[in-house]
Amino acid sequence: MRWNLASGISGMLLTFLASFGNNGFAVSCLRGLYAFIAFFMLGYLIRVVLRGIVGTAPSEDWPDIQADPSVGGQVDFSTPDEGEDLNGLLRAQLDGSDNASGEAVGFAPFQPKKLASTQNLDPEELANALRHLSDSKE
């Protein structure tokens, strides 16, 4: 009931404020009242739809929380002990290898092949290509 009242009052206020600038006080109040009724009923419709989607009563498959108060009262998170793995990695790093398996893999930046290279070309050919490109633009 509180959700319906809250949605009705908020709809009424929004409609009243939007209507008050162009209409008189009586017309704005009447439109606010109509908006209150519409939003109040819309609240019921939304609650019915949500109740159909979510469901209201817990099914028999769910444990009864009231019977056992310790259920759901605590969360026990624990992380696995990875101390030996970490020590192994540190020892391998001190020995000079980059990974625990002993394979030495160094960093190498990516160097893609060039699609066209101007190395080992005749300077005369390059000058002719440049002249051809500059002549074609005019």
Protein backbone atom coordinates (compact mmCIF):
# COMPACT_ATOMS: atom_id res chain seq x y z
CA MET A 1 0.00 0.00 0.00
CA ARG A 2 2.88 2.37 0.79
CA TRP A 3 4.44 1.84 -2.65
CA ASN A 4 1.13 2.60 -4.31
CA LEU A 5 0.71 5.79 -2.26
CA ALA A 6 4.27 6.86 -3.01
CA SER A 7 3.86 6.31 -6.76
CA GLY A 8 0.45 8.06 -6.71
CA ILE A 9 1.74 11.09 -4.84
CA SER A 10 4.85 11.39 -7.00
CA GLY A 11 2.74 11.14 -10.17
CA MET A 12 0.32 13.72 -8.80
CA LEU A 13 3.10 16.18 -7.95
CA LEU A 14 4.83 15.78 -11.30
CA THR A 15 1.58 16.26 -13.19
CA PHE A 16 0.55 19.24 -11.04
CA LEU A 17 3.90 20.98 -11.53
CA ALA A 18 3.93 20.31 -15.27
CA SER A 19 0.35 21.51 -15.66
CA PHE A 20 0.46 24.56 -13.39
CA GLY A 21 2.49 26.69 -15.78
CA ASN A 22 -0.10 26.57 -18.59
CA ASN A 23 -3.35 26.08 -16.65
CA GLY A 24 -5.14 27.53 -13.68
CA PHE A 25 -4.92 26.19 -10.14
CA ALA A 26 -8.26 24.30 -10.29
CA VAL A 27 -7.45 22.56 -13.59
CA SER A 28 -3.96 21.64 -12.35
CA CYS A 29 -5.41 20.17 -9.15
CA LEU A 30 -7.96 18.15 -11.12
CA ARG A 31 -5.26 16.80 -13.44
CA GLY A 32 -3.10 16.01 -10.41
CA LEU A 33 -6.00 14.06 -8.88
CA TYR A 34 -6.47 12.09 -12.11
CA ALA A 35 -2.72 11.39 -12.17
CA PHE A 36 -2.83 10.21 -8.55
CA ILE A 37 -5.57 7.71 -9.36
CA ALA A 38 -3.78 6.51 -12.50
CA PHE A 39 -0.40 6.09 -10.78
CA PHE A 40 -2.02 4.45 -7.75
CA MET A 41 -3.66 1.84 -10.00
CA LEU A 42 -0.45 1.49 -12.03
CA GLY A 43 1.34 0.63 -8.78
CA TYR A 44 -1.04 -2.29 -8.26
CA LEU A 45 -0.49 -3.48 -11.81
CA ILE A 46 3.30 -3.37 -11.42
CA ARG A 47 3.09 -5.24 -8.11
CA VAL A 48 0.95 -7.97 -9.68
CA VAL A 49 3.36 -8.37 -12.59
CA LEU A 50 6.39 -8.49 -10.31
CA ARG A 51 4.67 -10.97 -8.00
CA GLY A 52 4.02 -13.18 -11.02
CA ILE A 53 7.64 -12.97 -12.13
CA VAL A 54 9.36 -13.31 -8.77
CA GLY A 55 6.78 -15.30 -6.87
CA THR A 56 5.63 -14.69 -3.32
CA ALA A 57 5.72 -17.92 -1.37
CA PRO A 58 8.96 -19.86 -1.01
CA SER A 59 8.82 -23.24 -2.63
CA GLU A 60 9.21 -26.48 -0.71
CA ASP A 61 12.70 -26.94 -2.17
CA TRP A 62 14.03 -23.96 -0.20
CA PRO A 63 15.15 -24.58 3.38
CA ASP A 64 13.13 -22.97 6.12
CA ILE A 65 15.34 -20.19 7.46
CA GLN A 66 13.23 -19.71 10.58
CA ALA A 67 13.81 -23.34 11.63
CA ASP A 68 17.62 -22.98 11.54
CA PRO A 69 18.84 -19.45 12.32
CA SER A 70 22.47 -20.31 11.51
CA VAL A 71 21.62 -20.84 7.84
CA GLY A 72 22.71 -17.81 5.87
CA GLY A 73 23.99 -16.01 8.94
CA GLN A 74 27.67 -16.29 8.08
CA VAL A 75 29.77 -16.40 4.96
CA ASP A 76 33.02 -18.29 5.18
CA PHE A 77 35.37 -17.26 2.41
CA SER A 78 38.78 -18.84 2.34
CA THR A 79 41.50 -18.69 -0.25
CA PRO A 80 43.58 -21.72 -1.12
CA ASP A 81 47.12 -21.78 0.18
CA GLU A 82 49.37 -20.99 -2.76
CA GLY A 83 52.53 -20.35 -0.76
CA GLU A 84 54.51 -23.20 -2.33
CA ASP A 85 53.59 -22.11 -5.88
CA LEU A 86 54.68 -18.56 -5.11
CA ASN A 87 57.93 -19.75 -3.55
CA GLY A 88 58.62 -21.90 -6.61
CA LEU A 89 58.11 -18.94 -8.92
CA LEU A 90 60.39 -16.76 -6.82
CA ARG A 91 63.11 -19.43 -6.76
CA ALA A 92 62.88 -19.85 -10.53
CA GLN A 93 63.20 -16.09 -10.98
CA LEU A 94 66.28 -15.97 -8.76
CA ASP A 95 67.85 -18.84 -10.73
CA GLY A 96 67.55 -16.80 -13.91
CA SER A 97 64.70 -18.55 -15.67
CA ASP A 98 61.50 -16.62 -16.31
CA ASN A 99 59.00 -19.36 -15.61
CA ALA A 100 58.73 -22.38 -13.34
CA SER A 101 59.28 -24.93 -16.13
CA GLY A 102 62.80 -23.64 -16.70
CA GLU A 103 62.25 -22.35 -20.23
CA ALA A 104 63.98 -19.04 -20.80
CA VAL A 105 61.54 -16.81 -22.64
CA GLY A 106 62.68 -13.24 -23.03
CA PHE A 107 60.72 -10.22 -24.06
CA ALA A 108 60.80 -9.44 -27.76
CA PRO A 109 58.79 -6.53 -29.14
CA PHE A 110 56.53 -7.19 -32.08
CA GLN A 111 58.18 -6.22 -35.36
CA PRO A 112 55.80 -6.69 -38.29
CA LYS A 113 57.17 -6.97 -41.81
CA LYS A 114 56.95 -3.87 -43.95
CA LEU A 115 54.58 -3.99 -46.88
CA ALA A 116 56.78 -1.79 -49.03
CA SER A 117 60.36 -0.90 -48.43
CA THR A 118 62.37 1.98 -49.89
CA GLN A 119 65.65 0.34 -48.99
CA ASN A 120 67.88 -0.95 -51.80
CA LEU A 121 65.98 0.98 -54.46
CA ASP A 122 67.53 3.15 -57.13
CA PRO A 123 67.34 6.87 -56.15
CA GLU A 124 66.43 7.68 -59.74
CA GLU A 125 63.33 5.44 -59.52
CA LEU A 126 62.27 7.11 -56.29
CA ALA A 127 62.67 10.58 -57.83
CA ASN A 128 60.64 9.54 -60.90
CA ALA A 129 57.86 8.14 -58.67
CA LEU A 130 57.77 11.37 -56.69
CA ARG A 131 57.63 13.46 -59.88
CA HIS A 132 54.83 11.27 -61.21
CA LEU A 133 52.79 11.69 -58.03
CA SER A 134 53.31 15.46 -57.94
CA ASP A 135 52.34 15.80 -61.64
CA SER A 136 49.16 13.73 -61.27
CA LYS A 137 47.77 16.07 -58.59
CA GLU A 138 47.83 19.11 -60.87
